[in-house]
Amino acid sequence: ILQEEYQYLLADEHQDANGAQNKVLELLSSFHDSPNLFIVGDDEQAIYRFQGASLENFLYFHKRFPGANLINLTDNYRSTQTVLDTAYNLIKRSDPDGHRGRTSDVRLRACAGHKEKEILVREYLGADDEADAVASEVSVKIKAGIQPNEIAIFTRTNRELAIYSAALFRAGVPTSIETKEDVLDDTEIEKILILIKAAALVGDDGPLVKALHLNCFNVPELDIYLLARAANRSHKSVWKISQSIEELIKLELKNSDEVVRVVNLIAKWGKEGFNVSPAKVVSDIARESGVVAMMLSSPDTETKLSKLGMLLSYLESYTRTNRGAKINDLASLLEMVDEYNVLEVDSKGTTTDKIKLCTAHRSKGLEFDYVYIVGANEGVWSGGRSHSDFKLPGIVAVSKEDEEADDKRLFYVAMTRARKELVISHPTVRGDGKVILPTRFLEELPEIC
């Protein structure tokens, strides 16, 4: 039916296609020996092998139809010639003779007319020093009149994003962080999970004491200690002691009113959990505990509220298919969801008045006047653990040569996001004091050292 209906097929960004998508495309175009198939892509931007999109998938149709016209686009309207030549040399050195199957050896020509600048390489003592220096430089650029949304910082993995987010926040730089995160790993969402468990187990001291420690409440640590000690000595529960005015007076707590308020709130949520939907309970817990207020005061407000929204949507969906679900079901459900990372959210910034902070994989398709590639160290951007070390059923081992070629293509993508200026930086010492080397890619490109 589809072959009859669609006579012309266009596959865009084909270097991102995996084997299954290629198979669908092949089936759709299999009626004619020479189908009307138009494929657009760049083999030098094939960076999603971990999602099944390998360079081999991209080259498949070129081998399948060797007589097809190959149209090379050589005019680049984004970067300076310095950036384009350096990026080209990086890729060329990973495959000097074209043995890795690239479709062609094309040098791009800069047509944007930007003023030529050197690619800057900087080193710092540690990762925190690097983050603070980059944040400070970005702040100076913004104060000089450069629009924040024309500046981007690229890390290699999600792990480094927090360091730069904190540094930018300290420098007062408006930041949009783009990443995919596990909803339940968020610090504020974790507080909600603790409160859900306490509400599901009203009468159990363990979850209650843990809840009292949360900083959304104003219960002094000494008060919690005195309550726990009194419960141990009197063989009474913290729940029972906290509901007795006489007992609390004897303990001379600094903020007994807050203890009573928190305990009553948790008891209320516990009762509510047997009478209203799980999503409603969680919404009340988030709001009445003060967690939502904490989210609103965070520099990552947009992301945190998105995570809460996704959690509530998931619980509403769960309730529709599991009628009669109560708060005790909710506690065990969320433990399972947390274990298997079922809930993930794209913390994708939508505002245009902030700088972009994201991983190199997420930079693909974007462009900025000023780009910072940070943490450019060996073992991070290059020389990582080979996938062939992991013997998993159904997973084809990746050679060290292919892995290095993948890493170079990712570095290439990050470099070519820059329109006017590119800065590459790296620390020289790890947090434990051990020396770390810059990525080997810098050593291979003497023109930027």
Protein backbone atom coordinates (compact mmCIF):
# COMPACT_ATOMS: atom_id res chain seq x y z
CA ILE A 1 0.00 0.00 0.00
CA LEU A 2 2.75 2.43 0.96
CA GLN A 3 4.78 1.65 -2.17
CA GLU A 4 1.74 2.52 -4.30
CA GLU A 5 0.94 5.66 -2.33
CA TYR A 6 4.45 7.13 -2.08
CA GLN A 7 6.51 7.31 -5.26
CA TYR A 8 9.31 9.48 -3.88
CA LEU A 9 11.18 8.89 -0.61
CA LEU A 10 13.39 11.36 1.26
CA ALA A 11 15.51 10.24 4.24
CA ASP A 12 17.00 13.24 6.04
CA GLU A 13 19.78 13.11 8.68
CA HIS A 14 20.39 9.57 7.47
CA GLN A 15 23.66 9.22 9.40
CA ASP A 16 21.43 8.92 12.51
CA ALA A 17 19.46 5.94 11.15
CA ASN A 18 19.77 2.58 12.86
CA GLY A 19 19.50 -0.87 11.27
CA ALA A 20 15.76 -1.18 11.83
CA GLN A 21 15.05 2.19 10.23
CA ASN A 22 17.26 1.26 7.29
CA LYS A 23 15.29 -1.96 6.86
CA VAL A 24 11.99 -0.04 6.77
CA LEU A 25 13.45 2.33 4.16
CA GLU A 26 14.71 -0.60 2.10
CA LEU A 27 11.31 -2.31 2.17
CA LEU A 28 9.51 0.87 1.15
CA SER A 29 11.87 1.36 -1.81
CA SER A 30 12.22 -2.29 -2.86
CA PHE A 31 9.57 -2.38 -5.63
CA HIS A 32 11.83 -0.78 -8.26
CA ASP A 33 15.43 -1.67 -9.02
CA SER A 34 16.23 2.03 -9.12
CA PRO A 35 13.79 3.68 -6.73
CA ASN A 36 13.15 7.41 -6.38
CA LEU A 37 15.16 7.53 -3.17
CA PHE A 38 16.85 10.72 -1.98
CA ILE A 39 19.16 10.40 1.04
CA VAL A 40 20.65 13.37 2.88
CA GLY A 41 23.34 13.04 5.50
CA ASP A 42 26.90 13.61 6.61
CA ASP A 43 29.12 10.63 7.39
CA GLU A 44 31.31 12.90 9.52
CA GLN A 45 28.38 13.48 11.87
CA ALA A 46 27.56 9.81 12.53
CA ILE A 47 27.75 10.01 16.34
CA TYR A 48 24.88 7.83 17.57
CA ARG A 49 26.41 4.33 17.48
CA PHE A 50 25.13 3.75 21.04
CA GLN A 51 21.60 4.07 19.60
CA GLY A 52 22.38 1.67 16.77
CA ALA A 53 23.20 4.40 14.21
CA SER A 54 26.60 3.40 12.86
CA LEU A 55 28.60 4.69 9.93
CA GLU A 56 28.00 1.32 8.28
CA ASN A 57 24.22 1.98 8.27
CA PHE A 58 24.78 5.30 6.56
CA LEU A 59 27.03 3.81 3.89
CA TYR A 60 24.66 0.90 3.24
CA PHE A 61 22.58 2.56 0.51
CA HIS A 62 25.66 4.00 -1.16
CA LYS A 63 26.87 0.40 -1.55
CA ARG A 64 23.37 -0.87 -2.39
CA PHE A 65 22.99 1.63 -5.25
CA PRO A 66 26.56 2.31 -6.48
CA GLY A 67 25.26 4.11 -9.58
CA ALA A 68 23.32 6.72 -7.62
CA ASN A 69 24.26 10.37 -8.04
CA LEU A 70 26.42 11.68 -5.20
CA ILE A 71 26.03 15.42 -4.61
CA ASN A 72 28.60 16.98 -2.30
CA LEU A 73 27.67 20.23 -0.54
CA THR A 74 30.87 22.21 -0.07
CA ASP A 75 29.71 25.73 0.86
CA ASN A 76 29.46 26.25 4.62
CA TYR A 77 27.52 29.26 5.88
CA ARG A 78 28.26 28.77 9.58
CA SER A 79 31.91 28.53 10.62
CA THR A 80 35.19 30.26 9.85
CA GLN A 81 37.69 28.59 7.50
CA THR A 82 40.01 28.00 10.48
CA VAL A 83 37.38 25.90 12.25
CA LEU A 84 36.45 24.02 9.07
CA ASP A 85 40.07 23.21 8.14
CA THR A 86 40.95 22.08 11.66
CA ALA A 87 37.86 19.89 11.93
CA TYR A 88 38.61 18.42 8.48
CA ASN A 89 42.17 17.57 9.51
CA LEU A 90 40.88 15.85 12.65
CA ILE A 91 38.64 13.54 10.62
CA LYS A 92 41.23 13.05 7.89
CA ARG A 93 43.82 11.84 10.39
CA SER A 94 41.48 9.16 11.65
CA ASP A 95 41.08 7.81 8.10
CA PRO A 96 43.88 9.16 5.88
CA ASP A 97 43.28 6.74 3.01
CA GLY A 98 39.50 6.47 3.20
CA HIS A 99 39.65 2.88 4.40
CA ARG A 100 36.86 3.40 6.88
CA GLY A 101 34.38 3.76 4.06
CA ARG A 102 33.61 7.48 4.03
CA THR A 103 31.62 8.45 0.97
CA SER A 104 33.97 11.19 -0.15
CA ASP A 105 36.84 13.44 0.88
CA VAL A 106 35.26 16.89 0.89
CA ARG A 107 36.81 20.10 2.16
CA LEU A 108 34.24 22.68 3.19
CA ARG A 109 34.55 26.30 2.11
CA ALA A 110 33.57 29.09 4.54
CA CYS A 111 31.01 31.43 2.98
CA ALA A 112 29.65 33.20 6.06
CA GLY A 113 32.19 36.04 5.92
CA HIS A 114 33.09 35.89 9.64
CA LYS A 115 36.39 37.46 10.68
CA GLU A 116 39.04 34.76 11.04
CA LYS A 117 40.16 33.95 14.59
CA GLU A 118 42.50 31.38 16.06
CA ILE A 119 41.02 28.43 17.90
CA LEU A 120 41.92 29.05 21.54
CA VAL A 121 43.17 26.21 23.76
CA ARG A 122 43.37 26.80 27.50
CA GLU A 123 44.37 24.68 30.46
CA TYR A 124 43.43 25.03 34.11
CA LEU A 125 44.52 23.33 37.31
CA GLY A 126 41.27 21.52 38.16
CA ALA A 127 37.75 21.03 36.83
CA ASP A 128 36.28 23.58 39.26
CA ASP A 129 38.90 26.16 38.23
CA GLU A 130 38.05 25.52 34.59
CA ALA A 131 34.31 25.87 35.21
CA ASP A 132 34.72 29.12 37.18
CA ALA A 133 37.03 30.60 34.52
CA VAL A 134 34.67 29.73 31.67
CA ALA A 135 31.68 31.08 33.62
CA SER A 136 33.58 34.31 34.33
CA GLU A 137 34.53 34.74 30.68
CA VAL A 138 30.97 34.11 29.55
CA SER A 139 29.74 36.68 32.09
CA VAL A 140 32.17 39.27 30.67
CA LYS A 141 30.95 38.57 27.12
CA ILE A 142 27.31 39.07 28.13
CA LYS A 143 28.13 42.32 29.95
CA ALA A 144 29.89 43.48 26.78
CA GLY A 145 26.63 43.13 24.87
CA ILE A 146 26.80 39.63 23.40
CA GLN A 147 23.41 37.91 23.51
CA PRO A 148 23.43 34.92 25.93
CA ASN A 149 21.74 32.64 23.39
CA GLU A 150 24.75 33.08 21.08
CA ILE A 151 27.01 31.29 23.59
CA ALA A 152 27.20 27.54 24.25
CA ILE A 153 29.22 25.24 26.51
CA PHE A 154 29.57 21.59 25.49
CA THR A 155 30.58 18.80 27.87
CA ARG A 156 31.30 15.21 26.91
CA THR A 157 28.81 13.58 29.31
CA ASN A 158 25.90 14.54 31.54
CA ARG A 159 28.14 14.08 34.58
CA GLU A 160 30.02 17.36 33.98
CA LEU A 161 26.88 19.46 33.48
CA ALA A 162 26.31 19.98 37.22
CA ILE A 163 29.79 21.50 37.71
CA TYR A 164 29.20 24.08 34.97
CA SER A 165 25.62 24.76 35.99
CA ALA A 166 26.78 25.61 39.52
CA ALA A 167 29.65 27.81 38.25
CA LEU A 168 27.37 29.71 35.88
CA PHE A 169 24.82 30.20 38.66
CA ARG A 170 27.53 31.64 40.94
CA ALA A 171 28.57 33.98 38.14
CA GLY A 172 24.98 35.13 37.65
CA VAL A 173 24.83 33.82 34.08
CA PRO A 174 21.35 32.82 32.82
CA THR A 175 21.62 29.19 31.69
CA SER A 176 19.50 26.71 29.78
CA ILE A 177 20.58 23.12 30.45
CA GLU A 178 19.63 20.50 27.91
CA THR A 179 19.93 16.84 28.86
CA LYS A 180 17.94 13.68 29.43
CA GLU A 181 17.62 12.88 33.10
CA ASP A 182 15.98 10.29 35.31
CA VAL A 183 13.04 12.12 36.90
CA LEU A 184 13.40 10.35 40.24
CA ASP A 185 17.09 11.26 40.58
CA ASP A 186 16.27 14.92 41.10
CA THR A 187 16.99 16.14 44.66
CA GLU A 188 13.55 17.71 45.10
CA ILE A 189 11.73 14.71 43.63
CA GLU A 190 13.70 12.48 46.02
CA LYS A 191 12.27 14.51 48.91
CA ILE A 192 8.77 13.86 47.59
CA LEU A 193 9.53 10.12 47.44
CA ILE A 194 10.68 10.16 51.08
CA LEU A 195 7.44 11.90 52.08
CA ILE A 196 5.32 9.44 50.08
CA LYS A 197 6.94 6.54 51.93
CA ALA A 198 6.41 8.24 55.29
CA ALA A 199 2.73 8.85 54.44
CA ALA A 200 2.30 5.26 53.26
CA LEU A 201 3.76 3.96 56.54
CA VAL A 202 2.10 6.15 59.15
CA GLY A 203 3.13 4.81 62.56
CA ASP A 204 6.53 3.60 61.38
CA ASP A 205 9.32 5.69 62.94
CA GLY A 206 12.00 5.06 60.29
CA PRO A 207 10.37 6.91 57.37
CA LEU A 208 9.12 9.66 59.70
CA VAL A 209 12.55 10.42 61.14
CA LYS A 210 14.01 10.49 57.64
CA ALA A 211 11.29 12.96 56.59
CA LEU A 212 12.00 15.21 59.57
CA HIS A 213 15.59 15.66 58.31
CA LEU A 214 14.42 17.21 55.00
CA ASN A 215 15.40 20.86 54.51
CA CYS A 216 11.93 21.77 53.26
CA PHE A 217 11.03 21.67 56.96
CA ASN A 218 12.53 23.68 59.80
CA VAL A 219 13.15 20.93 62.34
CA PRO A 220 16.53 21.34 64.11
CA GLU A 221 18.79 18.27 64.05
CA LEU A 222 19.01 18.38 67.86
CA ASP A 223 15.21 18.10 68.11
CA ILE A 224 15.26 14.98 65.94
CA TYR A 225 18.00 13.48 68.12
CA LEU A 226 16.07 14.25 71.32
CA LEU A 227 12.89 12.70 69.88
CA ALA A 228 14.71 9.53 68.79
CA ARG A 229 16.48 9.22 72.15
CA ALA A 230 13.23 9.71 74.10
CA ALA A 231 11.50 7.08 71.96
CA ASN A 232 14.31 4.61 72.59
CA ARG A 233 14.37 5.20 76.35
CA SER A 234 10.60 5.17 76.88
CA HIS A 235 9.91 2.37 74.37
CA LYS A 236 7.38 4.64 72.73
CA SER A 237 7.23 5.62 69.07
CA VAL A 238 8.29 9.02 67.77
CA TRP A 239 4.78 9.26 66.36
CA LYS A 240 3.24 8.89 69.81
CA ILE A 241 5.65 11.27 71.55
CA SER A 242 5.17 13.96 68.91
CA GLN A 243 1.41 13.87 69.47
CA SER A 244 1.72 14.41 73.24
CA ILE A 245 2.08 18.03 74.37
CA GLU A 246 3.32 16.90 77.81
CA GLU A 247 6.05 14.74 76.31
CA LEU A 248 7.21 17.51 73.98
CA ILE A 249 7.36 20.06 76.83
CA LYS A 250 9.60 17.68 78.81
CA LEU A 251 12.02 17.39 75.90
CA GLU A 252 12.44 21.19 75.64
CA LEU A 253 12.63 21.12 71.85
CA LYS A 254 13.74 24.26 69.99
CA ASN A 255 10.90 24.05 67.48
CA SER A 256 8.26 21.66 68.76
CA ASP A 257 5.57 23.48 66.74
CA GLU A 258 7.34 22.52 63.49
CA VAL A 259 7.63 18.89 64.63
CA VAL A 260 3.91 18.77 65.30
CA ARG A 261 3.12 20.46 61.99
CA VAL A 262 5.20 17.99 59.97
CA VAL A 263 3.84 14.94 61.76
CA ASN A 264 0.26 16.14 61.26
CA LEU A 265 0.94 16.83 57.57
CA ILE A 266 2.30 13.33 56.99
CA ALA A 267 -0.64 11.78 58.85
CA LYS A 268 -3.03 13.85 56.71
CA TRP A 269 -1.35 12.71 53.49
CA GLY A 270 -1.50 9.12 54.70
CA LYS A 271 -5.28 9.33 55.19
CA GLU A 272 -5.74 11.24 51.95
CA GLY A 273 -3.83 8.48 50.15
CA PHE A 274 -6.69 6.06 50.77
CA ASN A 275 -9.37 8.45 49.56
CA VAL A 276 -8.05 10.33 46.50
CA SER A 277 -5.97 9.52 43.44
CA PRO A 278 -2.19 9.02 43.80
CA ALA A 279 -1.50 12.00 41.54
CA LYS A 280 -3.60 14.26 43.80
CA VAL A 281 -1.77 13.03 46.92
CA VAL A 282 1.64 13.64 45.36
CA SER A 283 0.58 17.08 44.15
CA ASP A 284 -0.53 17.99 47.69
CA ILE A 285 2.68 16.59 49.19
CA ALA A 286 4.82 18.62 46.79
CA ARG A 287 2.94 21.84 47.44
CA GLU A 288 2.19 21.62 51.16
CA SER A 289 5.67 20.39 52.13
CA GLY A 290 7.32 23.40 50.50
CA VAL A 291 9.12 21.34 47.85
CA VAL A 292 7.44 23.25 44.99
CA ALA A 293 8.59 26.52 46.56
CA MET A 294 12.15 25.14 46.59
CA MET A 295 11.82 24.21 42.91
CA LEU A 296 10.67 27.74 42.07
CA SER A 297 13.72 29.25 43.79
CA SER A 298 16.15 26.91 41.97
CA PRO A 299 18.21 28.06 38.94
CA ASP A 300 16.83 24.95 37.17
CA THR A 301 13.17 25.78 37.85
CA GLU A 302 11.99 24.87 34.35
CA THR A 303 13.62 21.44 34.43
CA LYS A 304 12.47 20.61 37.96
CA LEU A 305 8.86 21.55 37.26
CA SER A 306 8.99 19.46 34.06
CA LYS A 307 10.10 16.47 36.12
CA LEU A 308 7.30 16.98 38.63
CA GLY A 309 4.81 17.31 35.79
CA MET A 310 6.03 14.08 34.22
CA LEU A 311 5.77 12.26 37.56
CA LEU A 312 2.19 13.46 38.05
CA SER A 313 1.25 12.53 34.46
CA TYR A 314 2.71 9.05 34.96
CA LEU A 315 0.70 8.58 38.16
CA GLU A 316 -2.51 9.77 36.46
CA SER A 317 -1.93 7.24 33.68
CA TYR A 318 -1.18 4.52 36.23
CA THR A 319 -4.41 5.30 38.10
CA ARG A 320 -6.48 5.00 34.92
CA THR A 321 -5.21 1.45 34.32
CA ASN A 322 -5.04 0.46 37.99
CA ARG A 323 -8.27 1.67 39.52
CA GLY A 324 -8.32 1.54 43.28
CA ALA A 325 -4.56 2.16 43.63
CA LYS A 326 -3.71 3.59 47.06
CA ILE A 327 -0.71 5.30 48.59
CA ASN A 328 0.89 2.04 49.76
CA ASP A 329 0.75 0.80 46.14
CA LEU A 330 2.32 4.08 45.10
CA ALA A 331 5.36 3.66 47.35
CA SER A 332 6.23 0.22 45.95
CA LEU A 333 5.48 1.34 42.36
CA LEU A 334 7.89 4.26 42.54
CA GLU A 335 10.63 2.05 43.98
CA MET A 336 10.33 -0.15 40.89
CA VAL A 337 10.19 2.87 38.55
CA ASP A 338 13.34 4.25 40.18
CA GLU A 339 15.19 0.95 39.87
CA TYR A 340 14.51 0.59 36.15
CA ASN A 341 14.74 4.30 35.14
CA VAL A 342 11.27 4.23 33.60
CA LEU A 343 10.78 8.00 33.82
CA GLU A 344 13.14 10.24 31.85
CA VAL A 345 12.61 13.85 30.91
CA ASP A 346 14.29 16.07 28.35
CA SER A 347 15.39 19.15 30.23
CA LYS A 348 15.31 21.14 27.00
CA GLY A 349 15.49 24.87 27.41
CA THR A 350 12.86 26.85 25.53
CA THR A 351 13.95 30.39 26.38
CA THR A 352 16.13 32.48 24.07
CA ASP A 353 17.77 34.74 26.68
CA LYS A 354 20.09 32.11 28.21
CA ILE A 355 23.33 30.46 27.23
CA LYS A 356 23.13 26.80 26.21
CA LEU A 357 24.76 24.13 28.37
CA CYS A 358 24.57 20.60 26.97
CA THR A 359 26.52 17.51 25.98
CA ALA A 360 28.22 17.30 22.60
CA HIS A 361 25.66 14.73 21.42
CA ARG A 362 22.90 17.25 22.10
CA SER A 363 24.72 20.00 20.22
CA LYS A 364 24.12 18.37 16.86
CA GLY A 365 22.05 20.58 14.55
CA LEU A 366 22.71 23.71 16.63
CA GLU A 367 25.00 26.66 16.01
CA PHE A 368 26.33 29.54 18.11
CA ASP A 369 28.67 32.50 17.66
CA TYR A 370 30.79 31.43 20.65
CA VAL A 371 31.41 27.79 21.58
CA TYR A 372 33.32 26.36 24.56
CA ILE A 373 34.34 22.70 24.50
CA VAL A 374 35.26 21.90 28.10
CA GLY A 375 36.89 19.03 29.96
CA ALA A 376 38.86 18.12 26.82
CA ASN A 377 40.86 15.35 28.46
CA GLU A 378 42.10 11.92 27.54
CA GLY A 379 39.72 9.32 28.93
CA VAL A 380 36.81 11.75 28.54
CA TRP A 381 36.70 12.86 24.90
CA SER A 382 39.13 10.19 23.71
CA GLY A 383 40.78 7.00 24.88
CA GLY A 384 37.78 5.77 26.86
CA ARG A 385 37.04 2.15 27.73
CA SER A 386 36.39 0.14 24.59
CA HIS A 387 32.92 -1.32 24.14
CA SER A 388 34.60 -4.55 23.08
CA ASP A 389 35.52 -5.07 26.73
CA PHE A 390 31.86 -5.82 27.44
CA LYS A 391 30.74 -9.23 26.23
CA LEU A 392 26.98 -8.83 26.00
CA PRO A 393 24.64 -11.13 24.04
CA GLY A 394 23.59 -9.62 20.71
CA ILE A 395 26.01 -6.69 20.93
CA VAL A 396 28.61 -6.50 18.18
CA ALA A 397 32.03 -5.58 19.54
CA VAL A 398 33.42 -2.24 18.45
CA SER A 399 37.11 -2.12 17.61
CA LYS A 400 39.34 0.48 19.25
CA GLU A 401 39.90 2.04 15.82
CA ASP A 402 36.15 2.40 15.21
CA GLU A 403 35.66 3.74 18.72
CA GLU A 404 38.34 6.39 18.21
CA ALA A 405 36.80 7.33 14.86
CA ASP A 406 33.41 7.72 16.62
CA ASP A 407 35.03 9.96 19.27
CA LYS A 408 36.65 12.12 16.58
CA ARG A 409 33.36 12.57 14.77
CA LEU A 410 31.76 13.72 18.02
CA PHE A 411 34.59 16.22 18.58
CA TYR A 412 34.17 17.31 14.95
CA VAL A 413 30.46 17.97 15.53
CA ALA A 414 31.19 20.00 18.67
CA MET A 415 33.86 22.08 16.90
CA THR A 416 31.73 22.87 13.87
CA ARG A 417 28.88 24.31 15.94
CA ALA A 418 30.96 27.52 16.29
CA ARG A 419 30.29 30.43 13.96
CA LYS A 420 32.85 33.01 15.15
CA GLU A 421 34.93 31.76 18.06
CA LEU A 422 35.91 28.34 19.43
CA VAL A 423 37.57 27.80 22.82
CA ILE A 424 38.76 24.35 23.92
CA SER A 425 39.82 23.88 27.55
CA HIS A 426 40.90 21.14 29.92
CA PRO A 427 42.06 20.69 33.53
CA THR A 428 45.48 19.24 34.31
CA VAL A 429 44.75 17.66 37.69
CA ARG A 430 41.88 15.43 38.84
CA GLY A 431 40.00 15.91 42.09
CA ASP A 432 42.23 13.31 43.78
CA GLY A 433 45.38 15.21 42.79
CA LYS A 434 46.42 12.90 39.95
CA VAL A 435 47.66 14.44 36.71
CA ILE A 436 45.39 14.07 33.66
CA LEU A 437 46.35 14.60 30.03
CA PRO A 438 44.57 16.66 27.38
CA THR A 439 42.74 14.68 24.72
CA ARG A 440 45.03 13.19 22.08
CA PHE A 441 43.01 15.11 19.48
CA LEU A 442 44.79 18.33 20.48
CA GLU A 443 48.18 16.70 20.03
CA GLU A 444 47.16 15.57 16.55
CA LEU A 445 46.28 19.14 15.56
CA PRO A 446 49.42 21.23 16.17
CA GLU A 447 47.87 24.20 14.39
CA ILE A 448 45.59 24.85 17.38
CA CYS A 449 48.11 24.21 20.18
